[in-house]
Each structure stands twice: as structure tokens, then as C-alpha cells.
Amino acid sequence: MHATVGDTLLVHGRVVGQHDRTAEVLEVLGPDGTPPYRVRFNDDGHEAVMSPGPDSVVRHKEPS
């Protein structure tokens, strides 16, 4: 998994009734765009450092 600042991380719910969550990548802490990432979740503004698992997808930002 590779991300850059401004990309969106989509975290799929893992159990029935758990909704997908999206988070903006604020900082890439690993080498060459690899995890961990500092992110801000769009639904509640919570910030966290996370290493996404196989239930996550990076949506790259559109080039300007």
C-alpha cells in the first residue's frame, strides 16, 4: 500500500452493521509512501496513526 498526503483512505466495515469510514491522509510516516499514516476521519474529525490492513483501500487524489 502506498499513499501521499491528501489521499483518502477507505476502511471497509468488518462486521455486519459496521459502516465504511473514510479518512484523509495528513502525514506519511513510512518510507516511500508506505504505512503508518497519520489520518483524520471524515465522519467525526478524529485523528489517528494507523497501519491499514487488507480491509482498506487508498483512493489517490486527482492531480491538479
PDB file of N, CA and C in Angstrom:
ATOM      1  N   MET A   1       0.842  -1.169   0.000  1.00  0.00           N
ATOM      2  CA  MET A   1       0.000   0.000   0.000  1.00  0.00           C
ATOM      3  C   MET A   1       0.887   1.231   0.000  1.00  0.00           C
ATOM      4  N   HIS A   2       0.541   2.188  -0.871  1.00  0.00           N
ATOM      5  CA  HIS A   2       1.278   3.450  -0.963  1.00  0.00           C
ATOM      6  C   HIS A   2       0.292   4.604  -0.997  1.00  0.00           C
ATOM      7  N   ALA A   3       0.575   5.658  -0.248  1.00  0.00           N
ATOM      8  CA  ALA A   3      -0.288   6.833  -0.209  1.00  0.00           C
ATOM      9  C   ALA A   3       0.578   8.082  -0.134  1.00  0.00           C
ATOM     10  N   THR A   4      -0.035   9.202  -0.464  1.00  0.00           N
ATOM     11  CA  THR A   4       0.606  10.500  -0.315  1.00  0.00           C
ATOM     12  C   THR A   4      -0.350  11.400   0.467  1.00  0.00           C
ATOM     13  N   VAL A   5       0.178  12.501   0.984  1.00  0.00           N
ATOM     14  CA  VAL A   5      -0.641  13.452   1.726  1.00  0.00           C
ATOM     15  C   VAL A   5      -1.773  13.931   0.828  1.00  0.00           C
ATOM     16  N   GLY A   6      -2.989  13.935   1.361  1.00  0.00           N
ATOM     17  CA  GLY A   6      -4.156  14.355   0.616  1.00  0.00           C
ATOM     18  C   GLY A   6      -4.957  13.213   0.031  1.00  0.00           C
ATOM     19  N   ASP A   7      -4.383  12.014  -0.017  1.00  0.00           N
ATOM     20  CA  ASP A   7      -5.130  10.841  -0.478  1.00  0.00           C
ATOM     21  C   ASP A   7      -6.208  10.506   0.551  1.00  0.00           C
ATOM     22  N   THR A   8      -7.188   9.720   0.125  1.00  0.00           N
ATOM     23  CA  THR A   8      -8.254   9.266   1.006  1.00  0.00           C
ATOM     24  C   THR A   8      -8.074   7.782   1.280  1.00  0.00           C
ATOM     25  N   LEU A   9      -8.205   7.421   2.531  1.00  0.00           N
ATOM     26  CA  LEU A   9      -8.130   6.026   2.941  1.00  0.00           C
ATOM     27  C   LEU A   9      -9.555   5.554   3.217  1.00  0.00           C
ATOM     28  N   LEU A  10      -9.993   4.532   2.506  1.00  0.00           N
ATOM     29  CA  LEU A  10     -11.318   3.942   2.706  1.00  0.00           C
ATOM     30  C   LEU A  10     -11.142   2.671   3.518  1.00  0.00           C
ATOM     31  N   VAL A  11     -11.748   2.652   4.698  1.00  0.00           N
ATOM     32  CA  VAL A  11     -11.657   1.497   5.588  1.00  0.00           C
ATOM     33  C   VAL A  11     -13.025   0.823   5.593  1.00  0.00           C
ATOM     34  N   HIS A  12     -13.097  -0.381   5.048  1.00  0.00           N
ATOM     35  CA  HIS A  12     -14.355  -1.115   4.971  1.00  0.00           C
ATOM     36  C   HIS A  12     -14.730  -1.662   6.343  1.00  0.00           C
ATOM     37  N   GLY A  13     -16.041  -1.636   6.662  1.00  0.00           N
ATOM     38  CA  GLY A  13     -16.529  -2.232   7.902  1.00  0.00           C
ATOM     39  C   GLY A  13     -16.266  -3.732   7.877  1.00  0.00           C
ATOM     40  N   ARG A  14     -15.882  -4.283   9.016  1.00  0.00           N
ATOM     41  CA  ARG A  14     -15.513  -5.700   9.064  1.00  0.00           C
ATOM     42  C   ARG A  14     -16.605  -6.609   9.599  1.00  0.00           C
ATOM     43  N   VAL A  15     -17.644  -6.037  10.169  1.00  0.00           N
ATOM     44  CA  VAL A  15     -18.738  -6.850  10.706  1.00  0.00           C
ATOM     45  C   VAL A  15     -20.065  -6.284  10.215  1.00  0.00           C
ATOM     46  N   VAL A  16     -21.104  -7.089  10.251  1.00  0.00           N
ATOM     47  CA  VAL A  16     -22.426  -6.654   9.818  1.00  0.00           C
ATOM     48  C   VAL A  16     -22.855  -5.442  10.638  1.00  0.00           C
ATOM     49  N   GLY A  17     -23.322  -4.406   9.954  1.00  0.00           N
ATOM     50  CA  GLY A  17     -23.786  -3.202  10.630  1.00  0.00           C
ATOM     51  C   GLY A  17     -22.717  -2.150  10.822  1.00  0.00           C
ATOM     52  N   GLN A  18     -21.460  -2.491  10.593  1.00  0.00           N
ATOM     53  CA  GLN A  18     -20.377  -1.512  10.718  1.00  0.00           C
ATOM     54  C   GLN A  18     -20.186  -0.850   9.365  1.00  0.00           C
ATOM     55  N   HIS A  19     -20.280   0.473   9.330  1.00  0.00           N
ATOM     56  CA  HIS A  19     -20.188   1.212   8.083  1.00  0.00           C
ATOM     57  C   HIS A  19     -18.739   1.441   7.665  1.00  0.00           C
ATOM     58  N   ASP A  20     -18.554   1.649   6.357  1.00  0.00           N
ATOM     59  CA  ASP A  20     -17.244   2.043   5.855  1.00  0.00           C
ATOM     60  C   ASP A  20     -16.912   3.434   6.398  1.00  0.00           C
ATOM     61  N   ARG A  21     -15.624   3.695   6.578  1.00  0.00           N
ATOM     62  CA  ARG A  21     -15.161   5.009   7.038  1.00  0.00           C
ATOM     63  C   ARG A  21     -14.116   5.516   6.070  1.00  0.00           C
ATOM     64  N   THR A  22     -14.069   6.832   5.913  1.00  0.00           N
ATOM     65  CA  THR A  22     -13.031   7.438   5.093  1.00  0.00           C
ATOM     66  C   THR A  22     -12.206   8.372   5.958  1.00  0.00           C
ATOM     67  N   ALA A  23     -10.942   8.485   5.588  1.00  0.00           N
ATOM     68  CA  ALA A  23     -10.024   9.348   6.324  1.00  0.00           C
ATOM     69  C   ALA A  23      -9.064   9.994   5.332  1.00  0.00           C
ATOM     70  N   GLU A  24      -8.715  11.240   5.604  1.00  0.00           N
ATOM     71  CA  GLU A  24      -7.729  11.937   4.784  1.00  0.00           C
ATOM     72  C   GLU A  24      -6.338  11.662   5.341  1.00  0.00           C
ATOM     73  N   VAL A  25      -5.402  11.347   4.458  1.00  0.00           N
ATOM     74  CA  VAL A  25      -4.010  11.129   4.867  1.00  0.00           C
ATOM     75  C   VAL A  25      -3.372  12.490   5.114  1.00  0.00           C
ATOM     76  N   LEU A  26      -2.963  12.750   6.357  1.00  0.00           N
ATOM     77  CA  LEU A  26      -2.346  14.017   6.732  1.00  0.00           C
ATOM     78  C   LEU A  26      -0.830  13.954   6.686  1.00  0.00           C
ATOM     79  N   GLU A  27      -0.288  12.765   6.975  1.00  0.00           N
ATOM     80  CA  GLU A  27       1.173  12.595   7.027  1.00  0.00           C
ATOM     81  C   GLU A  27       1.508  11.139   6.754  1.00  0.00           C
ATOM     82  N   VAL A  28       2.545  10.929   5.957  1.00  0.00           N
ATOM     83  CA  VAL A  28       3.039   9.580   5.671  1.00  0.00           C
ATOM     84  C   VAL A  28       4.280   9.375   6.528  1.00  0.00           C
ATOM     85  N   LEU A  29       4.231   8.395   7.419  1.00  0.00           N
ATOM     86  CA  LEU A  29       5.323   8.168   8.364  1.00  0.00           C
ATOM     87  C   LEU A  29       6.282   7.077   7.921  1.00  0.00           C
ATOM     88  N   GLY A  30       5.892   6.270   6.951  1.00  0.00           N
ATOM     89  CA  GLY A  30       6.750   5.196   6.453  1.00  0.00           C
ATOM     90  C   GLY A  30       7.568   5.663   5.251  1.00  0.00           C
ATOM     91  N   PRO A  31       8.564   4.890   4.878  1.00  0.00           N
ATOM     92  CA  PRO A  31       9.384   5.248   3.719  1.00  0.00           C
ATOM     93  C   PRO A  31       8.633   5.029   2.403  1.00  0.00           C
ATOM     94  N   ASP A  32       8.821   5.923   1.453  1.00  0.00           N
ATOM     95  CA  ASP A  32       8.279   5.781   0.090  1.00  0.00           C
ATOM     96  C   ASP A  32       6.765   5.584   0.051  1.00  0.00           C
ATOM     97  N   GLY A  33       6.026   6.283   0.924  1.00  0.00           N
ATOM     98  CA  GLY A  33       4.575   6.236   0.887  1.00  0.00           C
ATOM     99  C   GLY A  33       3.925   5.055   1.573  1.00  0.00           C
ATOM    100  N   THR A  34       4.715   4.275   2.299  1.00  0.00           N
ATOM    101  CA  THR A  34       4.158   3.102   2.984  1.00  0.00           C
ATOM    102  C   THR A  34       3.679   3.474   4.391  1.00  0.00           C
ATOM    103  N   PRO A  35       2.811   2.648   4.987  1.00  0.00           N
ATOM    104  CA  PRO A  35       2.319   2.921   6.343  1.00  0.00           C
ATOM    105  C   PRO A  35       3.454   2.932   7.357  1.00  0.00           C
ATOM    106  N   PRO A  36       3.200   3.506   8.504  1.00  0.00           N
ATOM    107  CA  PRO A  36       1.935   4.035   9.019  1.00  0.00           C
ATOM    108  C   PRO A  36       1.634   5.430   8.477  1.00  0.00           C
ATOM    109  N   TYR A  37       0.344   5.821   8.619  1.00  0.00           N
ATOM    110  CA  TYR A  37      -0.142   7.119   8.180  1.00  0.00           C
ATOM    111  C   TYR A  37      -0.810   7.822   9.352  1.00  0.00           C
ATOM    112  N   ARG A  38      -0.668   9.143   9.388  1.00  0.00           N
ATOM    113  CA  ARG A  38      -1.470   9.946  10.312  1.00  0.00           C
ATOM    114  C   ARG A  38      -2.668  10.403   9.509  1.00  0.00           C
ATOM    115  N   VAL A  39      -3.865  10.105   9.981  1.00  0.00           N
ATOM    116  CA  VAL A  39      -5.093  10.362   9.232  1.00  0.00           C
ATOM    117  C   VAL A  39      -6.110  11.118  10.088  1.00  0.00           C
ATOM    118  N   ARG A  40      -7.058  11.774   9.390  1.00  0.00           N
ATOM    119  CA  ARG A  40      -8.205  12.399  10.054  1.00  0.00           C
ATOM    120  C   ARG A  40      -9.463  11.792   9.450  1.00  0.00           C
ATOM    121  N   PHE A  41     -10.289  11.171  10.309  1.00  0.00           N
ATOM    122  CA  PHE A  41     -11.519  10.551   9.837  1.00  0.00           C
ATOM    123  C   PHE A  41     -12.544  11.625   9.494  1.00  0.00           C
ATOM    124  N   ASN A  42     -13.206  11.450   8.349  1.00  0.00           N
ATOM    125  CA  ASN A  42     -14.135  12.449   7.842  1.00  0.00           C
ATOM    126  C   ASN A  42     -15.435  12.509   8.637  1.00  0.00           C
ATOM    127  N   ASP A  43     -15.845  11.403   9.255  1.00  0.00           N
ATOM    128  CA  ASP A  43     -17.138  11.394   9.935  1.00  0.00           C
ATOM    129  C   ASP A  43     -17.134  12.103  11.280  1.00  0.00           C
ATOM    130  N   ASP A  44     -16.010  12.079  11.998  1.00  0.00           N
ATOM    131  CA  ASP A  44     -16.002  12.691  13.329  1.00  0.00           C
ATOM    132  C   ASP A  44     -14.779  13.570  13.611  1.00  0.00           C
ATOM    133  N   GLY A  45     -13.852  13.700  12.648  1.00  0.00           N
ATOM    134  CA  GLY A  45     -12.681  14.558  12.824  1.00  0.00           C
ATOM    135  C   GLY A  45     -11.586  13.961  13.682  1.00  0.00           C
ATOM    136  N   HIS A  46     -11.774  12.722  14.155  1.00  0.00           N
ATOM    137  CA  HIS A  46     -10.779  12.050  14.998  1.00  0.00           C
ATOM    138  C   HIS A  46      -9.496  11.842  14.195  1.00  0.00           C
ATOM    139  N   GLU A  47      -8.351  12.124  14.807  1.00  0.00           N
ATOM    140  CA  GLU A  47      -7.056  11.867  14.171  1.00  0.00           C
ATOM    141  C   GLU A  47      -6.404  10.667  14.826  1.00  0.00           C
ATOM    142  N   ALA A  48      -5.709   9.874  13.995  1.00  0.00           N
ATOM    143  CA  ALA A  48      -5.050   8.665  14.495  1.00  0.00           C
ATOM    144  C   ALA A  48      -3.850   8.338  13.624  1.00  0.00           C
ATOM    145  N   VAL A  49      -2.942   7.577  14.182  1.00  0.00           N
ATOM    146  CA  VAL A  49      -1.846   6.983  13.415  1.00  0.00           C
ATOM    147  C   VAL A  49      -2.239   5.532  13.193  1.00  0.00           C
ATOM    148  N   MET A  50      -2.248   5.114  11.927  1.00  0.00           N
ATOM    149  CA  MET A  50      -2.691   3.742  11.656  1.00  0.00           C
ATOM    150  C   MET A  50      -1.888   3.097  10.549  1.00  0.00           C
ATOM    151  N   SER A  51      -1.792   1.787  10.637  1.00  0.00           N
ATOM    152  CA  SER A  51      -1.234   0.954   9.582  1.00  0.00           C
ATOM    153  C   SER A  51      -2.399   0.142   9.033  1.00  0.00           C
ATOM    154  N   PRO A  52      -2.978   0.579   7.918  1.00  0.00           N
ATOM    155  CA  PRO A  52      -4.182  -0.071   7.398  1.00  0.00           C
ATOM    156  C   PRO A  52      -3.961  -1.530   7.055  1.00  0.00           C
ATOM    157  N   GLY A  53      -5.015  -2.319   7.261  1.00  0.00           N
ATOM    158  CA  GLY A  53      -4.981  -3.740   6.946  1.00  0.00           C
ATOM    159  C   GLY A  53      -5.579  -4.021   5.579  1.00  0.00           C
ATOM    160  N   PRO A  54      -5.845  -5.279   5.288  1.00  0.00           N
ATOM    161  CA  PRO A  54      -6.362  -5.671   3.977  1.00  0.00           C
ATOM    162  C   PRO A  54      -7.790  -5.200   3.721  1.00  0.00           C
ATOM    163  N   ASP A  55      -8.454  -4.668   4.749  1.00  0.00           N
ATOM    164  CA  ASP A  55      -9.807  -4.151   4.583  1.00  0.00           C
ATOM    165  C   ASP A  55      -9.816  -2.675   4.197  1.00  0.00           C
ATOM    166  N   SER A  56      -8.649  -2.136   3.829  1.00  0.00           N
ATOM    167  CA  SER A  56      -8.518  -0.713   3.489  1.00  0.00           C
ATOM    168  C   SER A  56      -8.023  -0.533   2.059  1.00  0.00           C
ATOM    169  N   VAL A  57      -8.449   0.590   1.462  1.00  0.00           N
ATOM    170  CA  VAL A  57      -8.064   0.928   0.084  1.00  0.00           C
ATOM    171  C   VAL A  57      -7.652   2.398   0.062  1.00  0.00           C
ATOM    172  N   VAL A  58      -6.593   2.705  -0.690  1.00  0.00           N
ATOM    173  CA  VAL A  58      -6.173   4.093  -0.875  1.00  0.00           C
ATOM    174  C   VAL A  58      -6.816   4.623  -2.150  1.00  0.00           C
ATOM    175  N   ARG A  59      -7.482   5.756  -2.016  1.00  0.00           N
ATOM    176  CA  ARG A  59      -8.006   6.470  -3.181  1.00  0.00           C
ATOM    177  C   ARG A  59      -7.114   7.686  -3.379  1.00  0.00           C
ATOM    178  N   HIS A  60      -6.355   7.653  -4.456  1.00  0.00           N
ATOM    179  CA  HIS A  60      -5.392   8.721  -4.712  1.00  0.00           C
ATOM    180  C   HIS A  60      -6.108   9.987  -5.154  1.00  0.00           C
ATOM    181  N   LYS A  61      -5.580  11.131  -4.688  1.00  0.00           N
ATOM    182  CA  LYS A  61      -6.176  12.409  -5.052  1.00  0.00           C
ATOM    183  C   LYS A  61      -5.946  12.673  -6.530  1.00  0.00           C
ATOM    184  N   GLU A  62      -6.866  13.414  -7.129  1.00  0.00           N
ATOM    185  CA  GLU A  62      -6.750  13.785  -8.530  1.00  0.00           C
ATOM    186  C   GLU A  62      -5.626  14.802  -8.703  1.00  0.00           C
ATOM    187  N   PRO A  63      -4.810  14.646  -9.748  1.00  0.00           N
ATOM    188  CA  PRO A  63      -3.758  15.628  -9.982  1.00  0.00           C
ATOM    189  C   PRO A  63      -4.352  17.003 -10.290  1.00  0.00           C
ATOM    190  N   SER A  64      -3.684  18.045  -9.834  1.00  0.00           N
ATOM    191  CA  SER A  64      -4.181  19.413 -10.058  1.00  0.00           C
ATOM    192  C   SER A  64      -3.813  19.923 -11.419  1.00  0.00           C
TER     193      SER A  64
END
